[in-house]
Protein backbone atom coordinates (compact mmCIF):
# COMPACT_ATOMS: atom_id res chain seq x y z
CA MET A 1 112.78 101.69 80.02
CA LYS A 2 109.67 100.01 79.40
CA LYS A 3 110.10 97.86 76.58
CA HIS A 4 106.79 96.92 74.03
CA ILE A 5 108.62 93.74 72.25
CA PHE A 6 107.15 93.85 68.57
CA PHE A 7 106.71 90.03 66.78
CA LEU A 8 109.83 90.35 64.75
CA LEU A 9 111.03 87.37 61.94
CA ALA A 10 114.10 86.67 61.02
CA VAL A 11 114.43 84.72 57.93
CA VAL A 12 117.67 83.55 56.77
CA PHE A 13 117.13 80.09 54.41
CA SER A 14 118.32 76.68 54.41
CA THR A 15 121.69 76.63 52.29
CA SER A 16 125.07 75.36 52.87
CA VAL A 17 127.35 75.89 55.40
CA PHE A 18 128.62 79.41 55.89
CA SER A 19 131.22 81.07 57.53
CA GLN A 20 129.88 84.63 58.56
CA GLN A 21 126.13 85.22 59.62
CA LEU A 22 124.78 88.02 61.65
CA LYS A 23 122.02 87.09 63.89
CA VAL A 24 119.52 88.79 65.74
CA VAL A 25 120.34 89.44 69.80
CA GLU A 26 117.98 91.90 71.17
CA ASN A 27 114.41 91.95 69.27
CA LEU A 28 112.95 94.93 67.54
CA TYR A 29 110.96 97.13 70.11
CA LYS A 30 109.14 100.43 69.85
CA ASP A 31 110.52 102.59 73.03
CA GLU A 32 107.10 104.91 73.91
CA ASN A 33 109.34 107.84 75.38
CA SER A 34 111.90 107.96 72.89
CA ARG A 35 112.14 111.36 71.21
CA TYR A 36 115.06 110.40 69.12
CA ALA A 37 112.73 110.40 65.79
CA ILE A 38 111.24 113.44 66.72
CA ASP A 39 114.36 115.85 68.18
CA TYR A 40 116.44 113.99 64.49
CA PRO A 41 113.29 113.90 62.28
CA ARG A 42 113.71 112.84 58.17
CA GLU A 43 110.38 113.21 56.36
CA ASP A 44 109.44 111.23 53.07
CA PHE A 45 108.04 112.58 49.37
CA ASN A 46 105.37 113.40 51.04
CA LYS A 47 106.76 115.54 53.61
CA THR A 48 105.41 112.93 56.51
CA LEU A 49 107.79 112.26 59.60
CA CYS A 50 109.50 108.29 58.71
CA GLY A 51 110.04 105.61 61.60
CA LEU A 52 113.40 105.34 62.53
CA ILE A 53 114.54 102.35 63.90
CA LEU A 54 118.13 102.66 65.79
CA ILE A 55 119.94 99.38 65.09
CA GLU A 56 123.22 98.49 67.40
CA LEU A 57 125.59 97.31 64.73
CA ASP A 58 129.04 96.94 64.57
CA MET A 59 129.70 96.76 60.84
CA PRO A 60 129.81 100.64 59.25
CA GLU A 61 129.71 98.99 55.52
CA ALA A 62 126.41 97.42 55.91
CA THR A 63 123.63 98.04 53.57
CA PHE A 64 120.21 98.45 54.08
CA GLU A 65 117.23 97.60 51.64
CA GLY A 66 113.55 97.91 51.84
CA ASP A 67 111.59 101.07 52.65
CA VAL A 68 114.53 103.33 53.84
CA VAL A 69 114.43 106.92 53.18
CA TYR A 70 118.08 107.43 54.96
CA SER A 71 120.72 105.37 56.67
CA GLU A 72 123.56 106.46 58.87
CA TYR A 73 126.12 104.80 60.80
CA GLN A 74 127.19 106.37 64.06
CA ASN A 75 129.91 105.14 66.32
CA GLY A 76 128.71 101.49 66.37
CA VAL A 77 124.77 102.42 66.13
CA TRP A 78 123.23 102.46 62.69
CA TRP A 79 119.91 104.95 62.17
CA ILE A 80 117.68 103.76 59.94
CA TYR A 81 114.73 106.31 58.86
CA MET A 82 112.10 104.48 57.19
CA LEU A 83 108.59 105.09 55.48
CA ASP A 84 105.13 104.65 57.76
CA GLY A 85 103.78 101.30 57.55
CA ALA A 86 107.36 99.86 56.42
CA ASN A 87 107.18 95.82 57.59
CA TRP A 88 110.48 94.54 56.32
CA LEU A 89 113.98 95.53 56.10
CA THR A 90 117.33 93.69 54.78
CA VAL A 91 121.03 93.65 56.70
CA LYS A 92 123.67 93.44 53.40
CA ALA A 93 127.78 92.96 54.43
CA ASN A 94 130.38 91.49 51.92
CA GLU A 95 131.31 87.73 53.19
CA TYR A 96 127.98 87.41 55.01
CA VAL A 97 124.71 85.98 54.65
CA PRO A 98 122.00 88.20 53.93
CA LEU A 99 119.71 88.69 56.80
CA ARG A 100 116.13 89.38 56.30
CA LEU A 101 114.45 90.69 59.14
CA GLU A 102 109.96 90.82 58.93
CA PHE A 103 108.28 92.65 61.21
CA SER A 104 104.74 91.50 60.37
CA PRO A 105 102.11 92.47 61.14
CA ILE A 106 103.91 94.88 63.17
CA LYS A 107 104.34 98.21 60.98
CA ILE A 108 106.46 100.91 61.15
CA GLU A 109 104.59 104.30 62.57
CA SER A 110 105.36 107.68 61.69
CA ALA A 111 107.47 109.43 64.28
CA ALA A 112 108.11 106.54 66.53
CA THR A 113 111.61 104.88 67.77
CA TYR A 114 112.71 101.45 67.66
CA PHE A 115 115.65 100.36 69.06
CA MET A 116 116.82 96.42 68.15
CA LYS A 117 120.38 94.19 68.31
CA ILE A 118 122.42 92.44 65.56
CA GLU A 119 126.24 90.58 65.86
CA LYS A 120 128.15 89.19 63.97
CA VAL A 121 128.25 85.33 64.59
CA GLN A 122 131.64 84.00 63.22
CA ASN A 123 132.58 79.87 61.63
CA GLU A 124 129.01 79.03 61.97
CA SER A 125 129.13 75.23 62.28
CA LEU A 126 125.83 74.18 61.27
CA PRO A 127 123.50 75.37 58.39
CA LEU A 128 121.23 77.30 59.37
CA VAL A 129 118.16 76.33 58.69
CA ARG A 130 114.45 77.54 60.58
CA GLN A 131 110.66 76.81 60.61
CA TYR A 132 107.92 78.38 62.07
CA LEU A 133 106.63 77.13 65.53
CA VAL A 134 102.93 78.50 66.02
CA ILE A 135 101.60 78.74 69.47
CA ARG A 136 98.16 79.50 70.87
CA THR A 137 97.42 79.91 74.49
CA GLU A 138 93.89 79.61 76.48
CA PRO A 139 93.01 82.33 77.84
CA SER A 140 93.92 84.04 74.80
CA ASP A 141 95.89 87.05 76.42
CA ALA A 142 98.41 84.63 78.18
CA LYS A 143 101.66 85.57 77.63
CA ILE A 144 104.45 83.38 75.84
CA TYR A 145 107.82 83.10 75.95
CA VAL A 146 110.20 81.36 73.58
CA ASP A 147 113.88 80.63 74.96
CA GLY A 148 112.99 83.36 77.59
CA GLU A 149 112.31 85.72 75.38
CA TYR A 150 108.91 87.36 75.47
CA VAL A 151 107.17 86.61 71.90
CA GLY A 152 104.01 87.99 72.15
CA GLN A 153 100.35 86.74 73.77
CA GLY A 154 97.53 84.35 72.75
CA GLU A 155 98.91 83.03 69.46
CA VAL A 156 102.51 83.98 67.99
CA ALA A 157 104.54 82.43 65.14
CA PRO A 158 108.37 82.98 65.76
CA PHE A 159 110.55 81.38 63.18
CA LEU A 160 113.22 80.12 64.94
CA PRO A 161 116.33 76.97 64.21
CA VAL A 162 115.31 73.85 63.89
CA HIS A 163 118.52 72.10 65.19
CA LYS A 164 117.92 73.20 68.87
CA GLU A 165 115.69 72.21 71.17
CA HIS A 166 113.22 75.55 72.24
CA HIS A 167 111.96 76.50 75.75
CA TYR A 168 108.28 77.71 76.14
CA LYS A 169 106.66 79.03 78.52
CA VAL A 170 103.07 80.04 79.53
CA GLU A 171 101.64 82.38 81.92
CA ALA A 172 98.46 84.56 82.55
CA PRO A 173 97.06 85.71 85.73
CA LEU A 174 94.77 83.48 88.18
CA TYR A 175 96.36 80.67 85.85
CA HIS A 176 98.98 77.90 86.44
CA SER A 177 101.72 78.22 84.43
CA GLU A 178 102.60 75.37 81.77
CA GLU A 179 106.57 75.42 80.51
CA GLY A 180 107.96 73.05 78.18
CA ILE A 181 110.30 72.08 75.63
CA VAL A 182 109.89 71.65 72.02
CA ARG A 183 111.82 70.17 69.64
CA MET A 184 110.92 71.33 65.80
CA THR A 185 111.48 69.88 62.28
CA ALA A 186 113.15 71.85 59.44
CA ASP A 187 109.51 70.41 56.98
CA ASN A 188 106.76 71.41 58.71
CA THR A 189 105.50 74.31 60.57
CA THR A 190 105.23 72.76 64.31
CA GLU A 191 102.09 73.55 66.55
CA LEU A 192 101.46 73.96 69.66
CA GLU A 193 97.64 74.36 71.45
CA VAL A 194 98.35 75.44 75.41
CA LYS A 195 95.74 75.63 77.76
CA LEU A 196 96.66 76.62 81.56
CA GLU A 197 94.41 75.47 84.44
CA PRO A 198 92.78 77.92 86.50
CA MET A 199 94.41 78.56 90.36
CA ASP A 200 91.94 77.86 92.72
CA LEU A 201 92.32 80.82 94.50
CA GLY A 202 89.81 80.40 97.41
CA TYR A 203 86.84 82.92 97.63
CA LEU A 204 87.09 86.48 96.18
CA VAL A 205 86.32 89.64 98.20
CA SER A 206 85.66 93.24 97.29
CA ILE A 207 86.76 95.19 100.00
CA ARG A 208 85.93 99.41 99.41
CA THR A 209 84.98 102.03 101.86
CA ASP A 210 83.13 105.15 100.76
CA GLN A 211 85.82 107.11 99.27
CA LEU A 212 88.34 106.27 97.22
CA GLY A 213 92.39 105.65 98.32
CA ASP A 214 91.78 104.76 102.03
CA SER A 215 94.75 102.77 103.19
CA LEU A 216 93.18 98.70 103.77
CA TYR A 217 94.95 96.56 105.90
CA VAL A 218 94.25 92.82 106.80
CA ASP A 219 95.63 90.57 109.86
CA ASP A 220 97.95 94.06 110.39
CA ASN A 221 99.12 93.17 106.24
CA PHE A 222 98.90 96.59 104.16
CA VAL A 223 96.95 94.96 101.08
CA GLY A 224 96.85 98.40 99.26
CA VAL A 225 94.18 101.18 99.04
CA SER A 226 90.54 101.18 98.47
CA PRO A 227 88.58 99.63 96.50
CA GLN A 228 90.76 96.02 96.11
CA GLU A 229 89.45 92.30 95.37
CA LEU A 230 91.43 89.56 97.24
CA TYR A 231 91.04 86.16 97.49
CA PHE A 232 90.62 84.83 100.42
CA GLU A 233 90.43 80.74 102.42
CA LEU A 234 87.86 79.46 104.92
CA GLY A 235 88.56 81.70 107.97
CA SER A 236 88.10 84.78 109.82
CA TYR A 237 90.14 88.02 109.57
CA GLN A 238 90.64 91.61 110.82
CA MET A 239 89.80 94.27 108.29
CA GLU A 240 91.30 97.71 109.35
CA ALA A 241 90.82 100.68 106.32
CA LYS A 242 92.41 104.25 107.68
CA ARG A 243 91.51 107.60 106.79
CA GLY A 244 94.26 110.10 108.82
CA MET A 245 93.51 109.13 111.91
CA ALA A 246 90.44 107.45 111.56
CA ILE A 247 90.58 103.75 111.80
CA MET A 248 87.70 101.60 111.48
CA GLU A 249 87.94 97.58 111.30
CA ARG A 250 85.26 94.81 110.76
CA THR A 251 85.59 91.01 110.92
CA LEU A 252 85.48 89.16 107.67
CA LYS A 253 84.05 85.65 108.29
CA ILE A 254 84.96 83.35 104.78
CA THR A 255 82.49 79.93 105.79
CA GLU A 256 81.67 76.94 103.12
CA ASN A 257 78.08 78.32 102.40
CA LEU A 258 79.44 80.84 100.42
CA ARG A 259 80.25 80.89 96.62
CA LYS A 260 83.21 80.53 94.84
CA ASP A 261 81.88 81.69 91.61
CA GLU A 262 80.60 85.41 93.43
CA THR A 263 82.10 87.59 95.27
CA LEU A 264 81.77 89.13 98.57
CA ASP A 265 81.21 92.72 98.79
CA VAL A 266 82.34 94.30 101.79
CA LEU A 267 82.17 97.88 102.22
CA ILE A 268 83.50 99.95 105.09
CA GLU A 269 81.85 103.49 106.06
CA ILE A 270 84.84 105.26 107.94
CA LYS A 271 83.24 108.38 110.08
CA GLU A 272 85.66 110.78 111.15
CA TYR A 273 85.42 112.78 114.22
CA ASP A 274 86.92 115.36 115.91
CA PHE A 275 88.41 115.97 119.29
CA VAL A 276 88.92 118.47 122.15
CA ASP A 277 91.63 118.14 123.96
CA LEU A 278 90.33 119.38 127.87
CA GLY A 279 93.40 119.06 129.34
CA LEU A 280 92.61 115.72 131.07
CA SER A 281 94.03 112.24 130.59
CA VAL A 282 91.80 111.54 127.63
CA LYS A 283 90.28 113.89 124.72
CA TRP A 284 87.37 114.27 124.34
CA ALA A 285 84.73 114.18 121.02
CA THR A 286 83.07 117.27 119.84
CA CYS A 287 79.30 114.77 119.25
CA ASN A 288 78.04 112.27 120.63
CA VAL A 289 77.86 108.48 118.58
CA GLY A 290 75.47 108.86 115.82
CA ALA A 291 75.71 112.44 115.81
CA SER A 292 77.17 114.67 113.35
CA VAL A 293 77.09 118.12 115.24
CA PRO A 294 77.66 118.60 119.04
CA GLU A 295 73.91 119.30 119.52
CA GLU A 296 72.32 116.17 118.35
CA TYR A 297 71.51 113.61 120.56
CA GLY A 298 72.80 110.69 118.57
CA HIS A 299 71.53 107.45 119.03
CA CYS A 300 71.46 105.62 122.16
CA TYR A 301 72.58 101.78 123.18
CA THR A 302 72.11 99.04 125.89
CA TRP A 303 75.64 98.77 127.63
CA GLY A 304 77.98 96.43 125.93
CA GLU A 305 76.09 96.56 122.47
CA THR A 306 77.21 97.59 119.13
CA MET A 307 73.90 98.17 117.72
CA PHE A 308 70.92 100.77 118.47
CA LYS A 309 67.49 99.48 118.33
CA ASP A 310 63.52 99.98 118.67
CA GLU A 311 63.03 98.73 121.76
CA TYR A 312 65.14 99.02 125.52
CA VAL A 313 64.14 96.16 128.00
CA LEU A 314 65.64 93.32 129.82
CA ASP A 315 64.37 90.68 127.11
CA ASN A 316 66.08 91.75 124.61
CA CYS A 317 69.96 92.45 126.27
CA THR A 318 72.38 90.76 125.02
CA THR A 319 75.00 91.71 128.57
CA CYS A 320 72.36 91.39 131.23
CA ARG A 321 74.00 88.62 132.33
CA ASP A 322 77.33 89.31 130.85
CA THR A 323 80.28 89.10 133.76
CA ILE A 324 82.08 91.96 131.77
CA ASN A 325 83.14 94.83 134.06
CA GLU A 326 85.08 96.79 131.75
CA ILE A 327 84.36 97.49 127.74
CA SER A 328 86.83 100.31 126.88
CA GLY A 329 88.48 99.73 123.71
CA SER A 330 86.34 96.73 122.99
CA ALA A 331 85.96 95.05 119.40
CA THR A 332 83.06 93.04 120.45
CA TYR A 333 81.21 94.97 122.91
CA ASP A 334 82.83 98.83 122.57
CA VAL A 335 80.57 100.99 120.15
CA ALA A 336 82.48 103.75 120.03
CA ARG A 337 85.47 101.39 118.68
CA VAL A 338 82.96 99.53 115.96
CA ASN A 339 81.09 103.18 115.05
CA CYS A 340 83.49 105.05 115.29
CA GLY A 341 87.16 103.80 114.61
CA LYS A 342 89.73 101.82 116.14
CA LYS A 343 91.29 104.65 118.07
CA TRP A 344 87.80 105.82 120.09
CA ARG A 345 86.29 104.19 123.10
CA ILE A 346 83.56 104.55 126.11
CA PRO A 347 85.49 106.47 128.50
CA THR A 348 86.09 104.62 131.68
CA LYS A 349 84.19 105.38 135.30
CA ASP A 350 87.60 107.08 135.85
CA GLU A 351 87.92 109.22 133.29
CA MET A 352 84.07 110.40 133.47
CA ALA A 353 84.44 111.17 136.67
CA GLU A 354 87.22 113.12 135.63
CA LEU A 355 85.24 115.36 133.17
CA LYS A 356 82.74 115.68 136.23
CA ASP A 357 85.59 117.05 138.93
CA ARG A 358 87.70 118.72 137.02
CA CYS A 359 85.66 120.89 134.40
CA GLN A 360 83.68 123.78 134.44
CA TRP A 361 79.99 122.61 134.18
CA THR A 362 77.55 125.53 132.15
CA TRP A 363 73.51 125.16 131.59
CA THR A 364 73.24 126.27 128.41
CA GLU A 365 71.27 126.15 124.88
CA LYS A 366 72.78 125.66 121.25
CA ASN A 367 71.26 126.35 118.67
CA GLY A 368 67.90 125.67 120.60
CA VAL A 369 69.04 122.62 122.66
CA LYS A 370 69.54 122.28 126.15
CA GLY A 371 72.74 120.64 127.45
CA TYR A 372 76.04 121.63 129.64
CA GLU A 373 79.34 123.83 128.14
CA ILE A 374 81.83 121.82 129.55
CA THR A 375 84.93 123.91 129.95
CA GLY A 376 88.49 122.21 130.95
CA PRO A 377 91.52 123.04 132.49
CA ASN A 378 92.71 124.41 129.63
CA GLY A 379 89.91 126.99 128.29
CA ASN A 380 88.54 124.40 125.98
CA THR A 381 85.08 123.30 125.55
CA ILE A 382 82.64 120.63 124.64
CA PHE A 383 79.14 120.67 124.52
CA MET A 384 76.79 117.88 125.80
CA PRO A 385 73.34 118.01 125.29
CA ALA A 386 70.55 117.03 127.34
CA ALA A 387 69.86 113.71 125.49
CA GLY A 388 67.53 111.64 127.99
CA ASN A 389 67.60 107.88 127.78
CA TYR A 390 65.69 105.23 126.15
CA MET A 391 63.26 102.89 128.33
CA GLY A 392 61.10 100.92 126.24
CA SER A 393 60.50 102.25 122.63
CA THR A 394 59.88 106.08 124.95
CA ARG A 395 63.30 108.68 125.13
CA TYR A 396 62.56 110.17 128.66
CA ASN A 397 63.85 113.41 130.07
CA ALA A 398 65.09 114.92 126.51
CA GLY A 399 66.24 118.61 127.28
CA ILE A 400 66.16 118.14 131.06
CA GLY A 401 69.38 115.74 131.43
CA GLY A 402 71.73 113.68 129.90
CA LEU A 403 72.88 110.00 130.58
CA TYR A 404 76.07 108.77 129.46
CA TRP A 405 77.25 105.15 129.52
CA THR A 406 81.19 104.45 131.00
CA ALA A 407 83.02 101.23 129.92
CA THR A 408 82.75 100.30 133.67
CA SER A 409 80.68 97.84 135.75
CA PRO A 410 80.21 97.49 139.44
CA THR A 411 82.03 93.94 140.23
CA THR A 412 78.91 93.54 142.51
CA GLU A 413 75.93 94.07 140.04
CA ARG A 414 76.19 91.80 137.15
CA GLY A 415 73.54 93.32 135.48
CA ASN A 416 74.38 96.86 135.98
CA ALA A 417 77.01 99.45 135.09
CA TYR A 418 77.73 103.04 135.80
CA TYR A 419 76.69 106.05 133.80
CA LEU A 420 77.28 109.87 134.12
CA HIS A 421 73.72 111.23 135.00
CA PHE A 422 73.56 115.48 135.00
CA ASP A 423 70.43 117.70 135.50
CA VAL A 424 71.09 120.72 137.93
CA ASP A 425 73.65 118.07 139.82
CA ARG A 426 76.22 115.49 137.79
CA ASN A 427 76.62 112.41 139.74
CA ILE A 428 77.83 108.59 138.46
CA ILE A 429 76.10 106.38 139.07
CA SER A 430 74.54 102.85 137.91
CA ALA A 431 71.29 101.61 136.43
CA ASP A 432 70.11 98.59 134.43
CA ARG A 433 72.67 97.95 130.94
CA TYR A 434 69.55 97.65 129.17
CA TYR A 435 68.87 101.32 129.34
CA GLY A 436 69.32 102.88 125.97
CA LEU A 437 71.83 105.85 127.01
CA ALA A 438 73.80 108.45 125.11
CA ILE A 439 77.69 107.55 124.34
CA ARG A 440 80.56 110.56 124.35
CA PRO A 441 83.48 108.41 122.85
CA VAL A 442 87.32 109.44 124.37
CA ILE A 443 90.57 109.12 122.69
CA ASP A 444 94.30 108.63 124.40
């Protein structure tokens, strides 16, 4: 049950030593979920539903003063029906000091249910002297606790006994909390100004995806669903966004040239690719990287690069002098993993050879685009368009042949990589890495 604790002043003035007193042990609070006032209603003379206070007090002889419409004692609980807008109540009983309860600035609401608890205190040894403790905070929405009880936000003035020390604590999100001890005097109101120091939480990053509710991970730790605002220290972080089977990765680098007073916005777009099980060792995507339907050519890429470009020449090739020989699944070199998601990758030479040798290839057209319909051992099919290739800024062989990179490079030819070439025949051969060829991803 969620409790909304109201500001409550229990007023008892100092007189002499009393032998028996009443004490509030649980402050008044409104229960938003309770229906007692509605299910067991009482109306005032204007036919307006009363507010109901359920007071746990083992005292059948008690009486009540204030805007009380009706009161009834049931099994240790007083049912007090009060007028809409009432803001005080006095509890009386023989041989006990009257207990005046002031609810201000809160007022009892029609058809609302409230709870509180009062106990009898025997043999009180000291006169009950109370005074106001005014606490003001910065920020203004900071939560305030006195003697372990939540008393409000921003500015409060609880009425407290002065013959004892009181513990206070103030806290707010993104600020260091502050607590301490205060001793009050009976002569004057005690005022306390509390200014919280903001935390240095690092750099604020807003992480979001192109849809709400995608799962977000940082360094393999679940941090919530999109969108999220998180604080990071200097360093490099691996982010993942998941939607069903699709997993997109991004590397986040926090450097000193970022400003702590600004929010870094990171958008992760999740592209969901379908696959077909052809009865082979891997499952094949239904379309090329950069395409949305099977007959689209998609983008062409230099081997080992993850961005398509306007011109494909040796001078702008970043991998032509790299000694790496296998890039399938690489977060740095595999364009399928970077652009399609963590589970996707470029097929190896052996996997491409399996597609070539174990399937039936039929030259055909799909929606006016020429290519091969490839039927696997289990009868399922995919379509691979004759997407051609790029050299320089020109696409060649489109509609005539298909050239698709594998993830494998010959160990003896550092600047080359293997690719599948098909037109009338189908071969796996090697070529310069700087050529722009299509990519058909696979998934395990």
